[in-house]
PDB file of all heavy atoms in Angstrom:
ATOM      1  N   GLU A   1      -9.333   3.726   2.920  1.00  0.00           N
ATOM      2  CA  GLU A   1      -7.990   4.105   3.352  1.00  0.00           C
ATOM      3  C   GLU A   1      -7.123   2.856   3.446  1.00  0.00           C
ATOM      4  O   GLU A   1      -7.614   1.766   3.737  1.00  0.00           O
ATOM      5  CB  GLU A   1      -8.025   4.790   4.720  1.00  0.00           C
ATOM      6  CG  GLU A   1      -8.438   6.231   4.684  1.00  0.00           C
ATOM      7  CD  GLU A   1      -8.228   6.901   6.029  1.00  0.00           C
ATOM      8  OE1 GLU A   1      -8.114   6.170   7.036  1.00  0.00           O
ATOM      9  OE2 GLU A   1      -8.154   8.133   6.076  1.00  0.00           O
ATOM     10  N   LYS A   2      -5.842   3.046   3.213  1.00  0.00           N
ATOM     11  CA  LYS A   2      -4.876   1.965   3.410  1.00  0.00           C
ATOM     12  C   LYS A   2      -3.871   2.432   4.457  1.00  0.00           C
ATOM     13  O   LYS A   2      -3.328   3.532   4.364  1.00  0.00           O
ATOM     14  CB  LYS A   2      -4.155   1.639   2.106  1.00  0.00           C
ATOM     15  CG  LYS A   2      -3.136   0.512   2.230  1.00  0.00           C
ATOM     16  CD  LYS A   2      -2.468   0.219   0.893  1.00  0.00           C
ATOM     17  CE  LYS A   2      -1.464  -0.921   1.018  1.00  0.00           C
ATOM     18  NZ  LYS A   2      -0.802  -1.215  -0.287  1.00  0.00           N
ATOM     19  N   ARG A   3      -3.662   1.599   5.459  1.00  0.00           N
ATOM     20  CA  ARG A   3      -2.710   1.940   6.512  1.00  0.00           C
ATOM     21  C   ARG A   3      -1.317   1.560   6.047  1.00  0.00           C
ATOM     22  O   ARG A   3      -1.056   0.413   5.661  1.00  0.00           O
ATOM     23  CB  ARG A   3      -3.050   1.174   7.783  1.00  0.00           C
ATOM     24  CG  ARG A   3      -2.412   1.739   9.060  1.00  0.00           C
ATOM     25  CD  ARG A   3      -2.912   3.123   9.373  1.00  0.00           C
ATOM     26  NE  ARG A   3      -2.611   3.534  10.751  1.00  0.00           N
ATOM     27  CZ  ARG A   3      -2.843   4.740  11.215  1.00  0.00           C
ATOM     28  NH1 ARG A   3      -3.363   5.674  10.432  1.00  0.00           N
ATOM     29  NH2 ARG A   3      -2.556   5.043  12.462  1.00  0.00           N
ATOM     30  N   VAL A   4      -0.414   2.519   6.062  1.00  0.00           N
ATOM     31  CA  VAL A   4       0.958   2.262   5.627  1.00  0.00           C
ATOM     32  C   VAL A   4       1.927   2.649   6.738  1.00  0.00           C
ATOM     33  O   VAL A   4       1.654   3.534   7.552  1.00  0.00           O
ATOM     34  CB  VAL A   4       1.302   3.033   4.332  1.00  0.00           C
ATOM     35  CG1 VAL A   4       0.487   2.524   3.167  1.00  0.00           C
ATOM     36  CG2 VAL A   4       1.106   4.523   4.511  1.00  0.00           C
ATOM     37  N   TYR A   5       3.043   1.974   6.751  1.00  0.00           N
ATOM     38  CA  TYR A   5       4.075   2.171   7.771  1.00  0.00           C
ATOM     39  C   TYR A   5       5.381   2.477   7.037  1.00  0.00           C
ATOM     40  O   TYR A   5       6.049   1.559   6.543  1.00  0.00           O
ATOM     41  CB  TYR A   5       4.193   0.918   8.644  1.00  0.00           C
ATOM     42  CG  TYR A   5       2.881   0.580   9.326  1.00  0.00           C
ATOM     43  CD1 TYR A   5       1.865  -0.088   8.654  1.00  0.00           C
ATOM     44  CD2 TYR A   5       2.643   0.970  10.638  1.00  0.00           C
ATOM     45  CE1 TYR A   5       0.654  -0.365   9.266  1.00  0.00           C
ATOM     46  CE2 TYR A   5       1.432   0.690  11.263  1.00  0.00           C
ATOM     47  CZ  TYR A   5       0.438   0.021  10.562  1.00  0.00           C
ATOM     48  OH  TYR A   5      -0.764  -0.255  11.175  1.00  0.00           O
ATOM     49  N   PRO A   6       5.724   3.757   6.918  1.00  0.00           N
ATOM     50  CA  PRO A   6       6.845   4.166   6.069  1.00  0.00           C
ATOM     51  C   PRO A   6       8.172   3.502   6.402  1.00  0.00           C
ATOM     52  O   PRO A   6       9.027   3.356   5.531  1.00  0.00           O
ATOM     53  CB  PRO A   6       6.925   5.683   6.307  1.00  0.00           C
ATOM     54  CG  PRO A   6       5.568   6.070   6.773  1.00  0.00           C
ATOM     55  CD  PRO A   6       5.058   4.899   7.541  1.00  0.00           C
ATOM     56  N   MET A   7       8.369   3.082   7.666  1.00  0.00           N
ATOM     57  CA  MET A   7       9.642   2.483   8.051  1.00  0.00           C
ATOM     58  C   MET A   7       9.608   0.961   8.010  1.00  0.00           C
ATOM     59  O   MET A   7      10.495   0.287   8.533  1.00  0.00           O
ATOM     60  CB  MET A   7      10.058   2.967   9.436  1.00  0.00           C
ATOM     61  CG  MET A   7      10.297   4.467   9.502  1.00  0.00           C
ATOM     62  SD  MET A   7      11.052   4.962  11.072  1.00  0.00           S
ATOM     63  CE  MET A   7      11.002   6.745  10.938  1.00  0.00           C
ATOM     64  N   GLY A   8       8.580   0.401   7.398  1.00  0.00           N
ATOM     65  CA  GLY A   8       8.530  -1.045   7.209  1.00  0.00           C
ATOM     66  C   GLY A   8       8.423  -1.811   8.514  1.00  0.00           C
ATOM     67  O   GLY A   8       7.480  -1.635   9.286  1.00  0.00           O
ATOM     68  N   GLU A   9       9.416  -2.669   8.789  1.00  0.00           N
ATOM     69  CA  GLU A   9       9.390  -3.542   9.961  1.00  0.00           C
ATOM     70  C   GLU A   9       9.756  -2.815  11.258  1.00  0.00           C
ATOM     71  O   GLU A   9       9.698  -3.404  12.334  1.00  0.00           O
ATOM     72  CB  GLU A   9      10.356  -4.710   9.752  1.00  0.00           C
ATOM     73  CG  GLU A   9       9.999  -5.589   8.556  1.00  0.00           C
ATOM     74  CD  GLU A   9      11.017  -6.671   8.321  1.00  0.00           C
ATOM     75  OE1 GLU A   9      12.072  -6.658   9.000  1.00  0.00           O
ATOM     76  OE2 GLU A   9      10.774  -7.546   7.469  1.00  0.00           O
ATOM     77  N   PHE A  10      10.098  -1.569  11.161  1.00  0.00           N
ATOM     78  CA  PHE A  10      10.557  -0.766  12.292  1.00  0.00           C
ATOM     79  C   PHE A  10       9.502  -0.728  13.401  1.00  0.00           C
ATOM     80  O   PHE A  10       8.405  -0.218  13.208  1.00  0.00           O
ATOM     81  CB  PHE A  10      10.858   0.637  11.777  1.00  0.00           C
ATOM     82  CG  PHE A  10      11.640   1.524  12.697  1.00  0.00           C
ATOM     83  CD1 PHE A  10      13.021   1.441  12.762  1.00  0.00           C
ATOM     84  CD2 PHE A  10      11.000   2.471  13.482  1.00  0.00           C
ATOM     85  CE1 PHE A  10      13.750   2.282  13.586  1.00  0.00           C
ATOM     86  CE2 PHE A  10      11.709   3.318  14.303  1.00  0.00           C
ATOM     87  CZ  PHE A  10      13.095   3.212  14.357  1.00  0.00           C
ATOM     88  N   ALA A  11       9.823  -1.286  14.576  1.00  0.00           N
ATOM     89  CA  ALA A  11       8.917  -1.295  15.738  1.00  0.00           C
ATOM     90  C   ALA A  11       7.564  -1.906  15.404  1.00  0.00           C
ATOM     91  O   ALA A  11       6.538  -1.540  15.990  1.00  0.00           O
ATOM     92  CB  ALA A  11       8.738   0.118  16.296  1.00  0.00           C
ATOM     93  N   ALA A  12       7.564  -2.869  14.499  1.00  0.00           N
ATOM     94  CA  ALA A  12       6.308  -3.403  13.964  1.00  0.00           C
ATOM     95  C   ALA A  12       5.394  -3.989  15.031  1.00  0.00           C
ATOM     96  O   ALA A  12       4.194  -3.681  15.075  1.00  0.00           O
ATOM     97  CB  ALA A  12       6.617  -4.462  12.901  1.00  0.00           C
ATOM     98  N   SER A  13       5.931  -4.838  15.904  1.00  0.00           N
ATOM     99  CA  SER A  13       5.072  -5.508  16.877  1.00  0.00           C
ATOM    100  C   SER A  13       4.515  -4.538  17.911  1.00  0.00           C
ATOM    101  O   SER A  13       3.451  -4.779  18.487  1.00  0.00           O
ATOM    102  CB  SER A  13       5.830  -6.637  17.573  1.00  0.00           C
ATOM    103  OG  SER A  13       6.973  -6.144  18.258  1.00  0.00           O
ATOM    104  N   ALA A  14       5.198  -3.444  18.167  1.00  0.00           N
ATOM    105  CA  ALA A  14       4.691  -2.431  19.090  1.00  0.00           C
ATOM    106  C   ALA A  14       3.558  -1.637  18.438  1.00  0.00           C
ATOM    107  O   ALA A  14       2.541  -1.342  19.071  1.00  0.00           O
ATOM    108  CB  ALA A  14       5.801  -1.495  19.533  1.00  0.00           C
ATOM    109  N   LEU A  15       3.719  -1.298  17.166  1.00  0.00           N
ATOM    110  CA  LEU A  15       2.703  -0.515  16.462  1.00  0.00           C
ATOM    111  C   LEU A  15       1.441  -1.326  16.230  1.00  0.00           C
ATOM    112  O   LEU A  15       0.335  -0.829  16.390  1.00  0.00           O
ATOM    113  CB  LEU A  15       3.256  -0.020  15.124  1.00  0.00           C
ATOM    114  CG  LEU A  15       4.384   1.000  15.206  1.00  0.00           C
ATOM    115  CD1 LEU A  15       4.966   1.244  13.828  1.00  0.00           C
ATOM    116  CD2 LEU A  15       3.895   2.292  15.820  1.00  0.00           C
ATOM    117  N   GLY A  16       1.594  -2.595  15.820  1.00  0.00           N
ATOM    118  CA  GLY A  16       0.434  -3.435  15.551  1.00  0.00           C
ATOM    119  C   GLY A  16      -0.065  -3.274  14.133  1.00  0.00           C
ATOM    120  O   GLY A  16       0.656  -2.808  13.243  1.00  0.00           O
ATOM    121  N   ILE A  17      -1.319  -3.641  13.896  1.00  0.00           N
ATOM    122  CA  ILE A  17      -1.883  -3.623  12.546  1.00  0.00           C
ATOM    123  C   ILE A  17      -3.303  -3.076  12.561  1.00  0.00           C
ATOM    124  O   ILE A  17      -3.957  -3.014  13.599  1.00  0.00           O
ATOM    125  CB  ILE A  17      -1.886  -5.033  11.908  1.00  0.00           C
ATOM    126  CG1 ILE A  17      -2.719  -6.001  12.760  1.00  0.00           C
ATOM    127  CG2 ILE A  17      -0.472  -5.553  11.741  1.00  0.00           C
ATOM    128  CD1 ILE A  17      -2.875  -7.378  12.150  1.00  0.00           C
ATOM    129  N   VAL A  18      -3.772  -2.699  11.363  1.00  0.00           N
ATOM    130  CA  VAL A  18      -5.139  -2.230  11.159  1.00  0.00           C
ATOM    131  C   VAL A  18      -5.798  -3.128  10.127  1.00  0.00           C
ATOM    132  O   VAL A  18      -5.218  -3.395   9.068  1.00  0.00           O
ATOM    133  CB  VAL A  18      -5.153  -0.765  10.672  1.00  0.00           C
ATOM    134  CG1 VAL A  18      -6.560  -0.327  10.299  1.00  0.00           C
ATOM    135  CG2 VAL A  18      -4.581   0.152  11.738  1.00  0.00           C
ATOM    136  N   ASN A  19      -7.014  -3.616  10.409  1.00  0.00           N
ATOM    137  CA  ASN A  19      -7.672  -4.520   9.472  1.00  0.00           C
ATOM    138  C   ASN A  19      -8.348  -3.745   8.346  1.00  0.00           C
ATOM    139  O   ASN A  19      -8.311  -2.517   8.313  1.00  0.00           O
ATOM    140  CB  ASN A  19      -8.651  -5.444  10.200  1.00  0.00           C
ATOM    141  CG  ASN A  19      -9.802  -4.683  10.856  1.00  0.00           C
ATOM    142  OD1 ASN A  19     -10.106  -3.535  10.509  1.00  0.00           O
ATOM    143  ND2 ASN A  19     -10.462  -5.324  11.806  1.00  0.00           N
ATOM    144  N   ARG A  20      -8.993  -4.474   7.447  1.00  0.00           N
ATOM    145  CA  ARG A  20      -9.591  -3.829   6.280  1.00  0.00           C
ATOM    146  C   ARG A  20     -10.780  -2.946   6.640  1.00  0.00           C
ATOM    147  O   ARG A  20     -11.178  -2.082   5.853  1.00  0.00           O
ATOM    148  CB  ARG A  20     -10.025  -4.899   5.273  1.00  0.00           C
ATOM    149  CG  ARG A  20      -8.852  -5.514   4.530  1.00  0.00           C
ATOM    150  CD  ARG A  20      -9.325  -6.512   3.505  1.00  0.00           C
ATOM    151  NE  ARG A  20      -8.215  -7.045   2.724  1.00  0.00           N
ATOM    152  CZ  ARG A  20      -8.339  -8.003   1.811  1.00  0.00           C
ATOM    153  NH1 ARG A  20      -9.533  -8.532   1.576  1.00  0.00           N
ATOM    154  NH2 ARG A  20      -7.290  -8.433   1.145  1.00  0.00           N
ATOM    155  N   ASP A  21     -11.347  -3.172   7.814  1.00  0.00           N
ATOM    156  CA  ASP A  21     -12.448  -2.317   8.263  1.00  0.00           C
ATOM    157  C   ASP A  21     -11.947  -1.013   8.870  1.00  0.00           C
ATOM    158  O   ASP A  21     -12.744  -0.178   9.309  1.00  0.00           O
ATOM    159  CB  ASP A  21     -13.308  -3.055   9.289  1.00  0.00           C
ATOM    160  CG  ASP A  21     -14.034  -4.246   8.673  1.00  0.00           C
ATOM    161  OD1 ASP A  21     -14.379  -4.165   7.484  1.00  0.00           O
ATOM    162  OD2 ASP A  21     -14.238  -5.248   9.383  1.00  0.00           O
ATOM    163  N   GLY A  22     -10.618  -0.864   8.922  1.00  0.00           N
ATOM    164  CA  GLY A  22     -10.051   0.371   9.443  1.00  0.00           C
ATOM    165  C   GLY A  22      -9.855   0.394  10.940  1.00  0.00           C
ATOM    166  O   GLY A  22      -9.566   1.448  11.507  1.00  0.00           O
ATOM    167  N   HIS A  23      -9.971  -0.764  11.593  1.00  0.00           N
ATOM    168  CA  HIS A  23      -9.812  -0.826  13.046  1.00  0.00           C
ATOM    169  C   HIS A  23      -8.497  -1.506  13.415  1.00  0.00           C
ATOM    170  O   HIS A  23      -8.089  -2.496  12.789  1.00  0.00           O
ATOM    171  CB  HIS A  23     -10.969  -1.592  13.681  1.00  0.00           C
ATOM    172  CG  HIS A  23     -12.250  -0.825  13.717  1.00  0.00           C
ATOM    173  ND1 HIS A  23     -12.463   0.231  14.568  1.00  0.00           N
ATOM    174  CD2 HIS A  23     -13.392  -0.959  12.985  1.00  0.00           C
ATOM    175  CE1 HIS A  23     -13.677   0.727  14.376  1.00  0.00           C
ATOM    176  NE2 HIS A  23     -14.270   0.025  13.419  1.00  0.00           N
ATOM    177  N   GLY A  24      -7.841  -0.986  14.454  1.00  0.00           N
ATOM    178  CA  GLY A  24      -6.632  -1.599  14.959  1.00  0.00           C
ATOM    179  C   GLY A  24      -6.958  -2.891  15.686  1.00  0.00           C
ATOM    180  O   GLY A  24      -7.921  -2.946  16.471  1.00  0.00           O
ATOM    181  N   VAL A  25      -6.172  -3.925  15.445  1.00  0.00           N
ATOM    182  CA  VAL A  25      -6.448  -5.224  16.073  1.00  0.00           C
ATOM    183  C   VAL A  25      -5.254  -5.745  16.867  1.00  0.00           C
ATOM    184  O   VAL A  25      -5.354  -6.780  17.517  1.00  0.00           O
ATOM    185  CB  VAL A  25      -6.888  -6.272  15.032  1.00  0.00           C
ATOM    186  CG1 VAL A  25      -8.253  -5.932  14.481  1.00  0.00           C
ATOM    187  CG2 VAL A  25      -5.880  -6.397  13.899  1.00  0.00           C
ATOM    188  N   GLU A  26      -4.129  -5.062  16.822  1.00  0.00           N
ATOM    189  CA  GLU A  26      -2.963  -5.456  17.604  1.00  0.00           C
ATOM    190  C   GLU A  26      -2.180  -4.200  17.985  1.00  0.00           C
ATOM    191  O   GLU A  26      -2.290  -3.156  17.340  1.00  0.00           O
ATOM    192  CB  GLU A  26      -2.052  -6.411  16.812  1.00  0.00           C
ATOM    193  CG  GLU A  26      -2.665  -7.776  16.542  1.00  0.00           C
ATOM    194  CD  GLU A  26      -1.797  -8.649  15.647  1.00  0.00           C
ATOM    195  OE1 GLU A  26      -0.639  -8.271  15.362  1.00  0.00           O
ATOM    196  OE2 GLU A  26      -2.275  -9.717  15.212  1.00  0.00           O
ATOM    197  N   GLY A  27      -1.354  -4.313  19.035  1.00  0.00           N
ATOM    198  CA  GLY A  27      -0.414  -3.266  19.407  1.00  0.00           C
ATOM    199  C   GLY A  27      -1.063  -1.943  19.790  1.00  0.00           C
ATOM    200  O   GLY A  27      -2.193  -1.874  20.279  1.00  0.00           O
ATOM    201  N   VAL A  28      -0.311  -0.864  19.552  1.00  0.00           N
ATOM    202  CA  VAL A  28      -0.816   0.489  19.835  1.00  0.00           C
ATOM    203  C   VAL A  28      -2.056   0.784  19.001  1.00  0.00           C
ATOM    204  O   VAL A  28      -2.999   1.430  19.462  1.00  0.00           O
ATOM    205  CB  VAL A  28       0.289   1.535  19.558  1.00  0.00           C
ATOM    206  CG1 VAL A  28      -0.273   2.953  19.635  1.00  0.00           C
ATOM    207  CG2 VAL A  28       1.441   1.372  20.549  1.00  0.00           C
ATOM    208  N   GLU A  29      -2.074   0.309  17.763  1.00  0.00           N
ATOM    209  CA  GLU A  29      -3.223   0.532  16.879  1.00  0.00           C
ATOM    210  C   GLU A  29      -4.508   0.001  17.517  1.00  0.00           C
ATOM    211  O   GLU A  29      -5.573   0.603  17.367  1.00  0.00           O
ATOM    212  CB  GLU A  29      -2.998  -0.170  15.528  1.00  0.00           C
ATOM    213  CG  GLU A  29      -1.851   0.390  14.697  1.00  0.00           C
ATOM    214  CD  GLU A  29      -2.252   1.585  13.848  1.00  0.00           C
ATOM    215  OE1 GLU A  29      -3.202   2.299  14.218  1.00  0.00           O
ATOM    216  OE2 GLU A  29      -1.602   1.802  12.808  1.00  0.00           O
ATOM    217  N   SER A  30      -4.414  -1.106  18.222  1.00  0.00           N
ATOM    218  CA  SER A  30      -5.587  -1.692  18.865  1.00  0.00           C
ATOM    219  C   SER A  30      -5.924  -0.983  20.172  1.00  0.00           C
ATOM    220  O   SER A  30      -7.077  -0.622  20.417  1.00  0.00           O
ATOM    221  CB  SER A  30      -5.348  -3.187  19.131  1.00  0.00           C
ATOM    222  OG  SER A  30      -6.385  -3.736  19.903  1.00  0.00           O
ATOM    223  N   TYR A  31      -4.923  -0.775  21.013  1.00  0.00           N
ATOM    224  CA  TYR A  31      -5.160  -0.177  22.335  1.00  0.00           C
ATOM    225  C   TYR A  31      -5.790   1.209  22.207  1.00  0.00           C
ATOM    226  O   TYR A  31      -6.682   1.572  22.980  1.00  0.00           O
ATOM    227  CB  TYR A  31      -3.844  -0.100  23.109  1.00  0.00           C
ATOM    228  CG  TYR A  31      -4.017   0.197  24.582  1.00  0.00           C
ATOM    229  CD1 TYR A  31      -4.057  -0.837  25.510  1.00  0.00           C
ATOM    230  CD2 TYR A  31      -4.136   1.506  25.050  1.00  0.00           C
ATOM    231  CE1 TYR A  31      -4.222  -0.570  26.868  1.00  0.00           C
ATOM    232  CE2 TYR A  31      -4.304   1.782  26.398  1.00  0.00           C
ATOM    233  CZ  TYR A  31      -4.341   0.739  27.305  1.00  0.00           C
ATOM    234  OH  TYR A  31      -4.508   0.995  28.643  1.00  0.00           O
ATOM    235  N   TYR A  32      -5.340   1.990  21.237  1.00  0.00           N
ATOM    236  CA  TYR A  32      -5.841   3.358  21.053  1.00  0.00           C
ATOM    237  C   TYR A  32      -6.776   3.466  19.846  1.00  0.00           C
ATOM    238  O   TYR A  32      -6.909   4.530  19.251  1.00  0.00           O
ATOM    239  CB  TYR A  32      -4.669   4.325  20.901  1.00  0.00           C
ATOM    240  CG  TYR A  32      -3.947   4.581  22.203  1.00  0.00           C
ATOM    241  CD1 TYR A  32      -2.845   3.824  22.569  1.00  0.00           C
ATOM    242  CD2 TYR A  32      -4.392   5.549  23.093  1.00  0.00           C
ATOM    243  CE1 TYR A  32      -2.189   4.036  23.770  1.00  0.00           C
ATOM    244  CE2 TYR A  32      -3.751   5.777  24.303  1.00  0.00           C
ATOM    245  CZ  TYR A  32      -2.649   5.013  24.636  1.00  0.00           C
ATOM    246  OH  TYR A  32      -2.009   5.218  25.833  1.00  0.00           O
ATOM    247  N   ASP A  33      -7.450   2.358  19.503  1.00  0.00           N
ATOM    248  CA  ASP A  33      -8.281   2.349  18.295  1.00  0.00           C
ATOM    249  C   ASP A  33      -9.393   3.390  18.347  1.00  0.00           C
ATOM    250  O   ASP A  33      -9.658   4.078  17.357  1.00  0.00           O
ATOM    251  CB  ASP A  33      -8.876   0.951  18.084  1.00  0.00           C
ATOM    252  CG  ASP A  33      -9.647   0.859  16.787  1.00  0.00           C
ATOM    253  OD1 ASP A  33      -9.039   1.087  15.719  1.00  0.00           O
ATOM    254  OD2 ASP A  33     -10.864   0.581  16.811  1.00  0.00           O
ATOM    255  N   LYS A  34     -10.064   3.532  19.487  1.00  0.00           N
ATOM    256  CA  LYS A  34     -11.165   4.493  19.572  1.00  0.00           C
ATOM    257  C   LYS A  34     -10.680   5.919  19.342  1.00  0.00           C
ATOM    258  O   LYS A  34     -11.405   6.753  18.779  1.00  0.00           O
ATOM    259  CB  LYS A  34     -11.845   4.381  20.936  1.00  0.00           C
ATOM    260  CG  LYS A  34     -12.636   3.095  21.119  1.00  0.00           C
ATOM    261  CD  LYS A  34     -13.345   3.073  22.461  1.00  0.00           C
ATOM    262  CE  LYS A  34     -14.148   1.797  22.633  1.00  0.00           C
ATOM    263  NZ  LYS A  34     -14.844   1.743  23.954  1.00  0.00           N
ATOM    264  N   ILE A  35      -9.469   6.207  19.767  1.00  0.00           N
ATOM    265  CA  ILE A  35      -8.910   7.547  19.601  1.00  0.00           C
ATOM    266  C   ILE A  35      -8.450   7.772  18.167  1.00  0.00           C
ATOM    267  O   ILE A  35      -8.667   8.839  17.587  1.00  0.00           O
ATOM    268  CB  ILE A  35      -7.744   7.754  20.587  1.00  0.00           C
ATOM    269  CG1 ILE A  35      -8.300   7.869  22.013  1.00  0.00           C
ATOM    270  CG2 ILE A  35      -6.907   8.975  20.233  1.00  0.00           C
ATOM    271  CD1 ILE A  35      -7.267   7.821  23.097  1.00  0.00           C
ATOM    272  N   LEU A  36      -7.823   6.757  17.590  1.00  0.00           N
ATOM    273  CA  LEU A  36      -7.287   6.882  16.231  1.00  0.00           C
ATOM    274  C   LEU A  36      -8.375   6.790  15.162  1.00  0.00           C
ATOM    275  O   LEU A  36      -8.264   7.411  14.103  1.00  0.00           O
ATOM    276  CB  LEU A  36      -6.248   5.788  15.986  1.00  0.00           C
ATOM    277  CG  LEU A  36      -4.921   5.921  16.740  1.00  0.00           C
ATOM    278  CD1 LEU A  36      -4.167   4.597  16.741  1.00  0.00           C
ATOM    279  CD2 LEU A  36      -4.057   7.006  16.110  1.00  0.00           C
ATOM    280  N   PHE A  37      -9.414   5.992  15.420  1.00  0.00           N
ATOM    281  CA  PHE A  37     -10.397   5.694  14.366  1.00  0.00           C
ATOM    282  C   PHE A  37     -11.223   6.908  13.969  1.00  0.00           C
ATOM    283  O   PHE A  37     -11.486   7.129  12.794  1.00  0.00           O
ATOM    284  CB  PHE A  37     -11.323   4.571  14.829  1.00  0.00           C
ATOM    285  CG  PHE A  37     -12.285   4.120  13.762  1.00  0.00           C
ATOM    286  CD1 PHE A  37     -11.846   3.344  12.698  1.00  0.00           C
ATOM    287  CD2 PHE A  37     -13.624   4.480  13.806  1.00  0.00           C
ATOM    288  CE1 PHE A  37     -12.726   2.940  11.705  1.00  0.00           C
ATOM    289  CE2 PHE A  37     -14.511   4.082  12.822  1.00  0.00           C
ATOM    290  CZ  PHE A  37     -14.057   3.294  11.765  1.00  0.00           C
ATOM    291  N   GLY A  38     -11.635   7.705  14.925  1.00  0.00           N
ATOM    292  CA  GLY A  38     -12.485   8.843  14.604  1.00  0.00           C
ATOM    293  C   GLY A  38     -13.959   8.485  14.699  1.00  0.00           C
ATOM    294  O   GLY A  38     -14.338   7.403  15.165  1.00  0.00           O
ATOM    295  N   LYS A  39     -14.818   9.380  14.222  1.00  0.00           N
ATOM    296  CA  LYS A  39     -16.267   9.174  14.269  1.00  0.00           C
ATOM    297  C   LYS A  39     -16.796   8.951  12.859  1.00  0.00           C
ATOM    298  O   LYS A  39     -16.667   9.812  11.990  1.00  0.00           O
ATOM    299  CB  LYS A  39     -16.951  10.403  14.882  1.00  0.00           C
ATOM    300  CG  LYS A  39     -18.464  10.290  14.939  1.00  0.00           C
ATOM    301  CD  LYS A  39     -19.092  11.596  15.416  1.00  0.00           C
ATOM    302  CE  LYS A  39     -20.610  11.528  15.340  1.00  0.00           C
ATOM    303  NZ  LYS A  39     -21.243  12.822  15.704  1.00  0.00           N
ATOM    304  N   PRO A  40     -17.414   7.785  12.600  1.00  0.00           N
ATOM    305  CA  PRO A  40     -17.950   7.520  11.259  1.00  0.00           C
ATOM    306  C   PRO A  40     -19.078   8.487  10.910  1.00  0.00           C
ATOM    307  O   PRO A  40     -19.797   8.974  11.790  1.00  0.00           O
ATOM    308  CB  PRO A  40     -18.464   6.079  11.360  1.00  0.00           C
ATOM    309  CG  PRO A  40     -17.796   5.497  12.563  1.00  0.00           C
ATOM    310  CD  PRO A  40     -17.582   6.638  13.495  1.00  0.00           C
ATOM    311  N   GLY A  41     -19.224   8.748   9.627  1.00  0.00           N
ATOM    312  CA  GLY A  41     -20.330   9.558   9.146  1.00  0.00           C
ATOM    313  C   GLY A  41     -21.399   8.681   8.525  1.00  0.00           C
ATOM    314  O   GLY A  41     -21.287   7.449   8.494  1.00  0.00           O
ATOM    315  N   PHE A  42     -22.456   9.309   8.019  1.00  0.00           N
ATOM    316  CA  PHE A  42     -23.573   8.565   7.432  1.00  0.00           C
ATOM    317  C   PHE A  42     -24.105   9.339   6.244  1.00  0.00           C
ATOM    318  O   PHE A  42     -24.234  10.562   6.286  1.00  0.00           O
ATOM    319  CB  PHE A  42     -24.675   8.365   8.482  1.00  0.00           C
ATOM    320  CG  PHE A  42     -25.916   7.711   7.942  1.00  0.00           C
ATOM    321  CD1 PHE A  42     -25.972   6.342   7.756  1.00  0.00           C
ATOM    322  CD2 PHE A  42     -27.026   8.477   7.602  1.00  0.00           C
ATOM    323  CE1 PHE A  42     -27.115   5.739   7.254  1.00  0.00           C
ATOM    324  CE2 PHE A  42     -28.172   7.883   7.095  1.00  0.00           C
ATOM    325  CZ  PHE A  42     -28.225   6.507   6.924  1.00  0.00           C
ATOM    326  N   GLN A  43     -24.420   8.597   5.189  1.00  0.00           N
ATOM    327  CA  GLN A  43     -24.980   9.231   3.999  1.00  0.00           C
ATOM    328  C   GLN A  43     -26.124   8.373   3.479  1.00  0.00           C
ATOM    329  O   GLN A  43     -25.979   7.158   3.315  1.00  0.00           O
ATOM    330  CB  GLN A  43     -23.914   9.397   2.917  1.00  0.00           C
ATOM    331  CG  GLN A  43     -24.429  10.097   1.672  1.00  0.00           C
ATOM    332  CD  GLN A  43     -23.332  10.322   0.650  1.00  0.00           C
ATOM    333  OE1 GLN A  43     -22.244   9.770   0.787  1.00  0.00           O
ATOM    334  NE2 GLN A  43     -23.597  11.107  -0.364  1.00  0.00           N
ATOM    335  N   SER A  44     -27.263   9.003   3.241  1.00  0.00           N
ATOM    336  CA  SER A  44     -28.423   8.311   2.685  1.00  0.00           C
ATOM    337  C   SER A  44     -28.873   9.078   1.455  1.00  0.00           C
ATOM    338  O   SER A  44     -29.135  10.280   1.530  1.00  0.00           O
ATOM    339  CB  SER A  44     -29.556   8.236   3.713  1.00  0.00           C
ATOM    340  OG  SER A  44     -30.697   7.623   3.145  1.00  0.00           O
ATOM    341  N   GLN A  45     -28.963   8.394   0.318  1.00  0.00           N
ATOM    342  CA  GLN A  45     -29.369   9.078  -0.900  1.00  0.00           C
ATOM    343  C   GLN A  45     -30.100   8.110  -1.823  1.00  0.00           C
ATOM    344  O   GLN A  45     -29.960   6.893  -1.702  1.00  0.00           O
ATOM    345  CB  GLN A  45     -28.163   9.677  -1.632  1.00  0.00           C
ATOM    346  CG  GLN A  45     -27.171   8.646  -2.127  1.00  0.00           C
ATOM    347  CD  GLN A  45     -25.997   9.298  -2.852  1.00  0.00           C
ATOM    348  OE1 GLN A  45     -25.771  10.488  -2.726  1.00  0.00           O
ATOM    349  NE2 GLN A  45     -25.276   8.511  -3.608  1.00  0.00           N
TER     350      GLN A  45
END
């Protein structure tokens, strides 16, 4: 997944960022990361 922000710089520092692992590391994205991230799945084949 790629995290996109349709309004660009709009409220950027409040929203924060998501790293390549899909986890929030700043702002709201970080504070609510456990809620936003979801539950990972597992596949073995």
